[in-house]
Each structure stands twice: as C-alpha cells, then as structure tokens.
PDB file of N, CA and C in Angstrom:
ATOM      1  N   MET A   1      34.202   7.821  27.965  1.00  0.00           N
ATOM      2  CA  MET A   1      32.765   7.424  28.422  1.00  0.00           C
ATOM      3  C   MET A   1      32.868   5.667  28.143  1.00  0.00           C
ATOM      4  N   THR A   2      32.380   4.971  29.033  1.00  0.00           N
ATOM      5  CA  THR A   2      31.997   3.881  29.602  1.00  0.00           C
ATOM      6  C   THR A   2      30.833   3.264  28.958  1.00  0.00           C
ATOM      7  N   PRO A   3      30.750   2.215  28.205  1.00  0.00           N
ATOM      8  CA  PRO A   3      29.959   1.792  27.513  1.00  0.00           C
ATOM      9  C   PRO A   3      28.580   1.342  28.236  1.00  0.00           C
ATOM     10  N   MET A   4      27.492   1.165  28.335  1.00  0.00           N
ATOM     11  CA  MET A   4      26.382   0.820  28.953  1.00  0.00           C
ATOM     12  C   MET A   4      26.588  -0.604  29.370  1.00  0.00           C
ATOM     13  N   PRO A   5      26.195  -0.491  30.889  1.00  0.00           N
ATOM     14  CA  PRO A   5      26.359  -2.320  31.443  1.00  0.00           C
ATOM     15  C   PRO A   5      25.570  -2.981  30.890  1.00  0.00           C
ATOM     16  N   ASP A   6      25.359  -4.293  30.989  1.00  0.00           N
ATOM     17  CA  ASP A   6      24.268  -5.583  30.231  1.00  0.00           C
ATOM     18  C   ASP A   6      23.532  -5.907  31.623  1.00  0.00           C
ATOM     19  N   HIS A   7      22.266  -5.186  31.581  1.00  0.00           N
ATOM     20  CA  HIS A   7      21.622  -5.731  32.694  1.00  0.00           C
ATOM     21  C   HIS A   7      20.443  -6.587  32.138  1.00  0.00           C
ATOM     22  N   SER A   8      20.708  -7.118  31.151  1.00  0.00           N
ATOM     23  CA  SER A   8      20.016  -8.506  30.499  1.00  0.00           C
ATOM     24  C   SER A   8      19.437  -9.490  31.321  1.00  0.00           C
ATOM     25  N   HIS A   9      20.739  -9.999  31.958  1.00  0.00           N
ATOM     26  CA  HIS A   9      20.667 -11.180  32.706  1.00  0.00           C
ATOM     27  C   HIS A   9      19.636 -11.026  34.075  1.00  0.00           C
ATOM     28  N   ILE A  10      19.711  -9.347  34.200  1.00  0.00           N
ATOM     29  CA  ILE A  10      19.123  -8.958  35.779  1.00  0.00           C
ATOM     30  C   ILE A  10      17.158  -9.238  34.945  1.00  0.00           C
ATOM     31  N   LEU A  11      17.105  -8.422  33.726  1.00  0.00           N
ATOM     32  CA  LEU A  11      15.735  -8.149  33.491  1.00  0.00           C
ATOM     33  C   LEU A  11      14.927  -9.264  33.430  1.00  0.00           C
ATOM     34  N   PHE A  12      15.699 -10.168  32.557  1.00  0.00           N
ATOM     35  CA  PHE A  12      15.039 -11.906  32.062  1.00  0.00           C
ATOM     36  C   PHE A  12      15.240 -12.912  33.416  1.00  0.00           C
ATOM     37  N   ASN A  13      16.083 -12.553  33.841  1.00  0.00           N
ATOM     38  CA  ASN A  13      16.260 -13.747  35.056  1.00  0.00           C
ATOM     39  C   ASN A  13      16.922 -14.861  34.466  1.00  0.00           C
ATOM     40  N   LYS A  14      18.064 -14.468  33.318  1.00  0.00           N
ATOM     41  CA  LYS A  14      18.941 -15.583  32.434  1.00  0.00           C
ATOM     42  C   LYS A  14      20.056 -15.112  32.295  1.00  0.00           C
ATOM     43  N   SER A  15      20.917 -16.282  32.688  1.00  0.00           N
ATOM     44  CA  SER A  15      22.484 -15.966  32.327  1.00  0.00           C
ATOM     45  C   SER A  15      22.527 -15.411  30.905  1.00  0.00           C
ATOM     46  N   PRO A  16      23.642 -14.979  30.693  1.00  0.00           N
ATOM     47  CA  PRO A  16      24.447 -14.768  29.243  1.00  0.00           C
ATOM     48  C   PRO A  16      24.029 -15.790  28.201  1.00  0.00           C
ATOM     49  N   LEU A  17      24.661 -16.711  28.963  1.00  0.00           N
ATOM     50  CA  LEU A  17      24.838 -18.259  27.810  1.00  0.00           C
ATOM     51  C   LEU A  17      22.870 -18.595  27.581  1.00  0.00           C
ATOM     52  N   GLN A  18      22.324 -18.487  28.764  1.00  0.00           N
ATOM     53  CA  GLN A  18      20.619 -18.724  28.055  1.00  0.00           C
ATOM     54  C   GLN A  18      20.287 -17.711  27.210  1.00  0.00           C
ATOM     55  N   LEU A  19      20.435 -16.351  27.731  1.00  0.00           N
ATOM     56  CA  LEU A  19      19.969 -15.574  26.711  1.00  0.00           C
ATOM     57  C   LEU A  19      20.665 -15.559  25.133  1.00  0.00           C
ATOM     58  N   ARG A  20      21.779 -16.091  25.008  1.00  0.00           N
ATOM     59  CA  ARG A  20      22.359 -16.666  23.665  1.00  0.00           C
ATOM     60  C   ARG A  20      22.195 -17.451  22.719  1.00  0.00           C
ATOM     61  N   SER A  21      21.475 -18.722  23.692  1.00  0.00           N
ATOM     62  CA  SER A  21      20.888 -19.942  23.530  1.00  0.00           C
ATOM     63  C   SER A  21      19.498 -19.516  22.816  1.00  0.00           C
ATOM     64  N   ILE A  22      18.943 -18.643  23.607  1.00  0.00           N
ATOM     65  CA  ILE A  22      17.278 -18.383  22.991  1.00  0.00           C
ATOM     66  C   ILE A  22      17.260 -17.256  21.586  1.00  0.00           C
ATOM     67  N   GLY A  23      18.425 -16.563  21.777  1.00  0.00           N
ATOM     68  CA  GLY A  23      18.383 -15.829  20.321  1.00  0.00           C
ATOM     69  C   GLY A  23      18.896 -16.689  19.111  1.00  0.00           C
ATOM     70  N   ALA A  24      20.039 -17.671  19.605  1.00  0.00           N
ATOM     71  CA  ALA A  24      20.038 -18.684  18.415  1.00  0.00           C
ATOM     72  C   ALA A  24      18.546 -19.017  17.833  1.00  0.00           C
ATOM     73  N   ARG A  25      17.894 -19.568  18.755  1.00  0.00           N
ATOM     74  CA  ARG A  25      16.731 -20.257  18.153  1.00  0.00           C
ATOM     75  C   ARG A  25      15.783 -19.544  17.688  1.00  0.00           C
ATOM     76  N   GLY A  26      15.761 -17.822  18.065  1.00  0.00           N
ATOM     77  CA  GLY A  26      15.280 -17.225  17.118  1.00  0.00           C
ATOM     78  C   GLY A  26      15.586 -17.186  15.822  1.00  0.00           C
ATOM     79  N   GLY A  27      17.218 -16.757  15.375  1.00  0.00           N
ATOM     80  CA  GLY A  27      17.544 -16.780  14.309  1.00  0.00           C
ATOM     81  C   GLY A  27      17.190 -17.956  13.288  1.00  0.00           C
ATOM     82  N   ARG A  28      17.313 -19.273  13.967  1.00  0.00           N
ATOM     83  CA  ARG A  28      17.282 -20.201  13.502  1.00  0.00           C
ATOM     84  C   ARG A  28      15.348 -20.312  12.854  1.00  0.00           C
ATOM     85  N   ALA A  29      14.622 -19.966  13.854  1.00  0.00           N
ATOM     86  CA  ALA A  29      13.307 -19.970  13.598  1.00  0.00           C
ATOM     87  C   ALA A  29      13.046 -19.126  12.254  1.00  0.00           C
ATOM     88  N   TYR A  30      13.702 -17.827  12.345  1.00  0.00           N
ATOM     89  CA  TYR A  30      13.688 -17.000  11.168  1.00  0.00           C
ATOM     90  C   TYR A  30      14.191 -17.373   9.878  1.00  0.00           C
ATOM     91  N   GLY A  31      15.327 -18.390  10.054  1.00  0.00           N
ATOM     92  CA  GLY A  31      15.714 -18.482   8.515  1.00  0.00           C
ATOM     93  C   GLY A  31      14.993 -19.552   8.047  1.00  0.00           C
ATOM     94  N   ARG A  32      14.478 -20.639   8.923  1.00  0.00           N
ATOM     95  CA  ARG A  32      13.738 -21.966   8.575  1.00  0.00           C
ATOM     96  C   ARG A  32      12.251 -21.320   7.769  1.00  0.00           C
ATOM     97  N   ASN A  33      11.764 -20.375   8.440  1.00  0.00           N
ATOM     98  CA  ASN A  33      10.630 -19.727   7.717  1.00  0.00           C
ATOM     99  C   ASN A  33      10.843 -18.922   6.581  1.00  0.00           C
ATOM    100  N   LEU A  34      12.114 -18.262   6.674  1.00  0.00           N
ATOM    101  CA  LEU A  34      12.326 -17.423   5.256  1.00  0.00           C
ATOM    102  C   LEU A  34      12.813 -18.311   4.229  1.00  0.00           C
ATOM    103  N   ARG A  35      13.193 -19.576   4.507  1.00  0.00           N
ATOM    104  CA  ARG A  35      13.515 -20.284   3.434  1.00  0.00           C
ATOM    105  C   ARG A  35      12.261 -21.059   3.009  1.00  0.00           C
ATOM    106  N   ALA A  36      11.181 -21.258   3.930  1.00  0.00           N
ATOM    107  CA  ALA A  36       9.683 -21.804   3.228  1.00  0.00           C
ATOM    108  C   ALA A  36       8.965 -20.983   2.670  1.00  0.00           C
ATOM    109  N   ARG A  37       9.253 -19.625   2.828  1.00  0.00           N
ATOM    110  CA  ARG A  37       8.534 -18.922   1.997  1.00  0.00           C
ATOM    111  C   ARG A  37       9.252 -18.507   0.722  1.00  0.00           C
ATOM    112  N   ARG A  38      10.334 -18.713   0.814  1.00  0.00           N
ATOM    113  CA  ARG A  38      11.093 -18.639  -0.646  1.00  0.00           C
ATOM    114  C   ARG A  38      10.774 -19.771  -1.549  1.00  0.00           C
ATOM    115  N   ALA A  39      10.339 -20.996  -0.882  1.00  0.00           N
ATOM    116  CA  ALA A  39      10.447 -22.121  -1.627  1.00  0.00           C
ATOM    117  C   ALA A  39       8.903 -22.189  -2.151  1.00  0.00           C
ATOM    118  N   LEU A  40       8.128 -21.280  -1.846  1.00  0.00           N
ATOM    119  CA  LEU A  40       6.669 -21.348  -2.413  1.00  0.00           C
ATOM    120  C   LEU A  40       6.530 -20.493  -3.430  1.00  0.00           C
ATOM    121  N   PRO A  41       5.929 -21.240  -4.638  1.00  0.00           N
ATOM    122  CA  PRO A  41       5.732 -20.671  -5.809  1.00  0.00           C
ATOM    123  C   PRO A  41       5.043 -19.235  -5.615  1.00  0.00           C
ATOM    124  N   ALA A  42       5.602 -18.176  -6.625  1.00  0.00           N
ATOM    125  CA  ALA A  42       5.341 -16.847  -6.504  1.00  0.00           C
ATOM    126  C   ALA A  42       4.070 -16.981  -6.858  1.00  0.00           C
ATOM    127  N   SER A  43       2.992 -15.661  -6.364  1.00  0.00           N
ATOM    128  CA  SER A  43       1.859 -15.677  -6.435  1.00  0.00           C
ATOM    129  C   SER A  43       1.849 -14.593  -7.635  1.00  0.00           C
ATOM    130  N   THR A  44       0.727 -15.480  -8.502  1.00  0.00           N
ATOM    131  CA  THR A  44       0.358 -14.594  -9.669  1.00  0.00           C
ATOM    132  C   THR A  44      -0.688 -13.429  -9.058  1.00  0.00           C
ATOM    133  N   PRO A  45      -0.842 -12.727 -10.055  1.00  0.00           N
ATOM    134  CA  PRO A  45      -1.788 -11.350 -10.220  1.00  0.00           C
ATOM    135  C   PRO A  45      -3.105 -12.249 -10.618  1.00  0.00           C
ATOM    136  N   PRO A  46      -4.011 -11.455  -9.789  1.00  0.00           N
ATOM    137  CA  PRO A  46      -5.607 -12.306 -10.349  1.00  0.00           C
ATOM    138  C   PRO A  46      -5.769 -12.023 -11.759  1.00  0.00           C
ATOM    139  N   PRO A  47      -6.362 -12.738 -12.253  1.00  0.00           N
ATOM    140  CA  PRO A  47      -6.675 -12.677 -13.835  1.00  0.00           C
ATOM    141  C   PRO A  47      -7.553 -11.194 -14.388  1.00  0.00           C
ATOM    142  N   ALA A  48      -7.185 -10.323 -15.259  1.00  0.00           N
ATOM    143  CA  ALA A  48      -8.091  -9.253 -15.393  1.00  0.00           C
ATOM    144  C   ALA A  48      -9.476  -9.953 -16.048  1.00  0.00           C
ATOM    145  N   LEU A  49     -10.428  -9.035 -15.817  1.00  0.00           N
ATOM    146  CA  LEU A  49     -11.627  -8.918 -16.230  1.00  0.00           C
ATOM    147  C   LEU A  49     -11.813  -9.412 -17.475  1.00  0.00           C
ATOM    148  N   ALA A  50     -12.575 -10.079 -17.936  1.00  0.00           N
ATOM    149  CA  ALA A  50     -12.718 -10.478 -19.482  1.00  0.00           C
ATOM    150  C   ALA A  50     -13.748  -8.968 -20.040  1.00  0.00           C
ATOM    151  N   PRO A  51     -13.879  -9.146 -21.104  1.00  0.00           N
ATOM    152  CA  PRO A  51     -14.620  -7.645 -21.713  1.00  0.00           C
ATOM    153  C   PRO A  51     -16.122  -8.291 -21.482  1.00  0.00           C
ATOM    154  N   GLY A  52     -16.416  -9.546 -21.469  1.00  0.00           N
ATOM    155  CA  GLY A  52     -17.924  -9.872 -21.260  1.00  0.00           C
ATOM    156  C   GLY A  52     -18.327  -9.793 -20.134  1.00  0.00           C
ATOM    157  N   ASP A  53     -17.316  -9.653 -18.904  1.00  0.00           N
ATOM    158  CA  ASP A  53     -17.973  -9.831 -17.625  1.00  0.00           C
ATOM    159  C   ASP A  53     -18.213  -8.065 -17.018  1.00  0.00           C
ATOM    160  N   ALA A  54     -19.327  -8.628 -16.075  1.00  0.00           N
ATOM    161  CA  ALA A  54     -19.957  -7.177 -15.718  1.00  0.00           C
ATOM    162  C   ALA A  54     -18.937  -6.267 -14.839  1.00  0.00           C
ATOM    163  N   PRO A  55     -18.982  -5.195 -14.882  1.00  0.00           N
ATOM    164  CA  PRO A  55     -17.912  -4.571 -13.894  1.00  0.00           C
ATOM    165  C   PRO A  55     -18.518  -4.424 -12.423  1.00  0.00           C
ATOM    166  N   LEU A  56     -17.381  -4.380 -11.565  1.00  0.00           N
ATOM    167  CA  LEU A  56     -18.368  -4.623  -9.805  1.00  0.00           C
ATOM    168  C   LEU A  56     -18.603  -3.169  -9.955  1.00  0.00           C
ATOM    169  N   PRO A  57     -19.611  -3.030  -9.095  1.00  0.00           N
ATOM    170  CA  PRO A  57     -20.295  -1.799  -8.259  1.00  0.00           C
ATOM    171  C   PRO A  57     -19.498  -0.789  -7.821  1.00  0.00           C
ATOM    172  N   THR A  58     -19.719   0.579  -8.257  1.00  0.00           N
ATOM    173  CA  THR A  58     -18.866   1.643  -7.405  1.00  0.00           C
ATOM    174  C   THR A  58     -19.284   1.777  -5.999  1.00  0.00           C
ATOM    175  N   THR A  59     -18.546   2.119  -5.432  1.00  0.00           N
ATOM    176  CA  THR A  59     -18.973   2.653  -3.923  1.00  0.00           C
ATOM    177  C   THR A  59     -20.068   3.733  -4.171  1.00  0.00           C
ATOM    178  N   ALA A  60     -19.764   4.710  -4.852  1.00  0.00           N
ATOM    179  CA  ALA A  60     -21.154   5.633  -5.010  1.00  0.00           C
ATOM    180  C   ALA A  60     -22.510   4.959  -5.718  1.00  0.00           C
ATOM    181  N   HIS A  61     -22.097   3.902  -6.426  1.00  0.00           N
ATOM    182  CA  HIS A  61     -23.266   3.296  -6.409  1.00  0.00           C
ATOM    183  C   HIS A  61     -24.175   2.579  -5.417  1.00  0.00           C
ATOM    184  N   SER A  62     -23.335   1.552  -4.444  1.00  0.00           N
ATOM    185  CA  SER A  62     -23.564   1.102  -3.401  1.00  0.00           C
ATOM    186  C   SER A  62     -24.335   2.139  -2.418  1.00  0.00           C
ATOM    187  N   ILE A  63     -23.731   3.195  -2.477  1.00  0.00           N
ATOM    188  CA  ILE A  63     -24.127   4.012  -1.577  1.00  0.00           C
ATOM    189  C   ILE A  63     -25.762   4.641  -1.884  1.00  0.00           C
ATOM    190  N   ALA A  64     -25.689   4.697  -2.945  1.00  0.00           N
ATOM    191  CA  ALA A  64     -26.737   5.139  -3.810  1.00  0.00           C
ATOM    192  C   ALA A  64     -27.890   4.153  -3.528  1.00  0.00           C
ATOM    193  N   LEU A  65     -27.611   2.949  -3.507  1.00  0.00           N
ATOM    194  CA  LEU A  65     -28.464   1.782  -3.540  1.00  0.00           C
ATOM    195  C   LEU A  65     -29.013   1.814  -2.273  1.00  0.00           C
ATOM    196  N   LEU A  66     -27.703   1.879  -1.057  1.00  0.00           N
ATOM    197  CA  LEU A  66     -28.261   1.947   0.388  1.00  0.00           C
ATOM    198  C   LEU A  66     -29.045   2.991   0.639  1.00  0.00           C
ATOM    199  N   ASP A  67     -28.917   4.152   0.327  1.00  0.00           N
ATOM    200  CA  ASP A  67     -29.714   5.615   0.631  1.00  0.00           C
ATOM    201  C   ASP A  67     -31.460   5.178  -0.020  1.00  0.00           C
ATOM    202  N   ALA A  68     -31.334   4.628  -1.044  1.00  0.00           N
ATOM    203  CA  ALA A  68     -32.520   4.354  -1.369  1.00  0.00           C
ATOM    204  C   ALA A  68     -33.451   3.501  -0.705  1.00  0.00           C
ATOM    205  N   ARG A  69     -32.534   2.622  -0.423  1.00  0.00           N
ATOM    206  CA  ARG A  69     -33.604   1.354   0.584  1.00  0.00           C
ATOM    207  C   ARG A  69     -33.708   1.939   1.956  1.00  0.00           C
ATOM    208  N   PHE A  70     -32.880   2.656   2.552  1.00  0.00           N
ATOM    209  CA  PHE A  70     -32.829   2.870   3.997  1.00  0.00           C
ATOM    210  C   PHE A  70     -33.053   4.661   3.847  1.00  0.00           C
ATOM    211  N   PRO A  71     -33.848   5.254   3.566  1.00  0.00           N
ATOM    212  CA  PRO A  71     -33.848   6.650   3.596  1.00  0.00           C
ATOM    213  C   PRO A  71     -33.527   7.352   4.829  1.00  0.00           C
ATOM    214  N   TRP A  72     -33.851   7.045   6.023  1.00  0.00           N
ATOM    215  CA  TRP A  72     -33.898   7.333   7.319  1.00  0.00           C
ATOM    216  C   TRP A  72     -32.593   7.316   7.847  1.00  0.00           C
ATOM    217  N   LEU A  73     -31.649   6.531   6.755  1.00  0.00           N
ATOM    218  CA  LEU A  73     -30.032   6.819   7.570  1.00  0.00           C
ATOM    219  C   LEU A  73     -29.362   7.410   6.371  1.00  0.00           C
ATOM    220  N   ARG A  74     -29.946   7.930   5.715  1.00  0.00           N
ATOM    221  CA  ARG A  74     -29.391   8.901   4.766  1.00  0.00           C
ATOM    222  C   ARG A  74     -27.942  10.075   5.113  1.00  0.00           C
ATOM    223  N   SER A  75     -27.114  10.193   4.564  1.00  0.00           N
ATOM    224  CA  SER A  75     -25.871  10.978   5.414  1.00  0.00           C
ATOM    225  C   SER A  75     -25.825  10.960   7.288  1.00  0.00           C
ATOM    226  N   ALA A  76     -26.344   9.584   7.537  1.00  0.00           N
ATOM    227  CA  ALA A  76     -25.678   9.557   8.759  1.00  0.00           C
ATOM    228  C   ALA A  76     -24.391   9.211   9.001  1.00  0.00           C
ATOM    229  N   GLU A  77     -23.279   9.022   8.044  1.00  0.00           N
ATOM    230  CA  GLU A  77     -21.775   9.106   8.023  1.00  0.00           C
ATOM    231  C   GLU A  77     -21.227  10.878   8.381  1.00  0.00           C
ATOM    232  N   LYS A  78     -22.093  11.517   8.112  1.00  0.00           N
ATOM    233  CA  LYS A  78     -21.438  13.005   8.585  1.00  0.00           C
ATOM    234  C   LYS A  78     -22.300  13.429   9.743  1.00  0.00           C
ATOM    235  N   PRO A  79     -21.023  14.036  10.071  1.00  0.00           N
ATOM    236  CA  PRO A  79     -21.383  14.699  11.770  1.00  0.00           C
ATOM    237  C   PRO A  79     -22.438  15.721  11.634  1.00  0.00           C
ATOM    238  N   ARG A  80     -23.136  15.540  12.823  1.00  0.00           N
ATOM    239  CA  ARG A  80     -24.235  16.925  12.986  1.00  0.00           C
ATOM    240  C   ARG A  80     -23.601  18.260  13.128  1.00  0.00           C
ATOM    241  N   ARG A  81     -24.240  19.136  12.698  1.00  0.00           N
ATOM    242  CA  ARG A  81     -23.668  20.510  13.302  1.00  0.00           C
ATOM    243  C   ARG A  81     -24.448  20.946  14.644  1.00  0.00           C
ATOM    244  N   ARG A  82     -23.684  20.776  15.587  1.00  0.00           N
ATOM    245  CA  ARG A  82     -24.501  21.264  16.927  1.00  0.00           C
ATOM    246  C   ARG A  82     -24.892  22.909  16.572  1.00  0.00           C
ATOM    247  N   PRO A  83     -26.099  23.177  17.312  1.00  0.00           N
ATOM    248  CA  PRO A  83     -26.452  24.627  17.208  1.00  0.00           C
ATOM    249  C   PRO A  83     -25.443  25.682  17.841  1.00  0.00           C
ATOM    250  N   CYS A  84     -25.359  26.907  17.486  1.00  0.00           N
ATOM    251  CA  CYS A  84     -24.389  27.991  18.269  1.00  0.00           C
ATOM    252  C   CYS A  84     -25.865  28.393  19.611  1.00  0.00           C
ATOM    253  N   LEU A  85     -25.113  28.503  20.409  1.00  0.00           N
ATOM    254  CA  LEU A  85     -25.741  29.028  21.495  1.00  0.00           C
ATOM    255  C   LEU A  85     -25.732  30.437  21.608  1.00  0.00           C
TER     256      LEU A  85
END
C-alpha cells in the first residue's frame, strides 16, 4: 500500500516550503496566545450572596409576571394543536 500523495501545494497554490512557513507562523501564534493566557491571573468565582440580599427571581416567577401583564400571550410558546379533519 502506497501513502497518499501530498497535493497541498496544488490545493493552496503554495510550495511545500511556503506551507511549512505558514504552519510555523500558526504554531508561534498559538504558543504566544497560550503563554498570554497562562500569565493572566486566575479568575475567581463570583462572591456568594450575602444572607441579607434578596434572591434572584426564578424563571417560573418571571413567566407568571409576564402572563399577568400580557394575558393575550399566555401559553404562546406552546404549539397549537391542529384540528383533525
């Protein structure tokens, strides 16, 4: 079994040396970005709510408020059943 021929220089109209140079540039950029990410301080988790803080509204509570304010849109997210013929 013979290995597949390398047609990358045909596909991109570049010589193998040019393709190697382009790949090296990508590798250097990847390494530079990786070092920059590692140099950033570690992100800390958001602080927990203090006992006196009001809890955030739940999804169900928000839906109930919207249904009370816009009654004509109640259950608009549910698909309508088509009548059987």
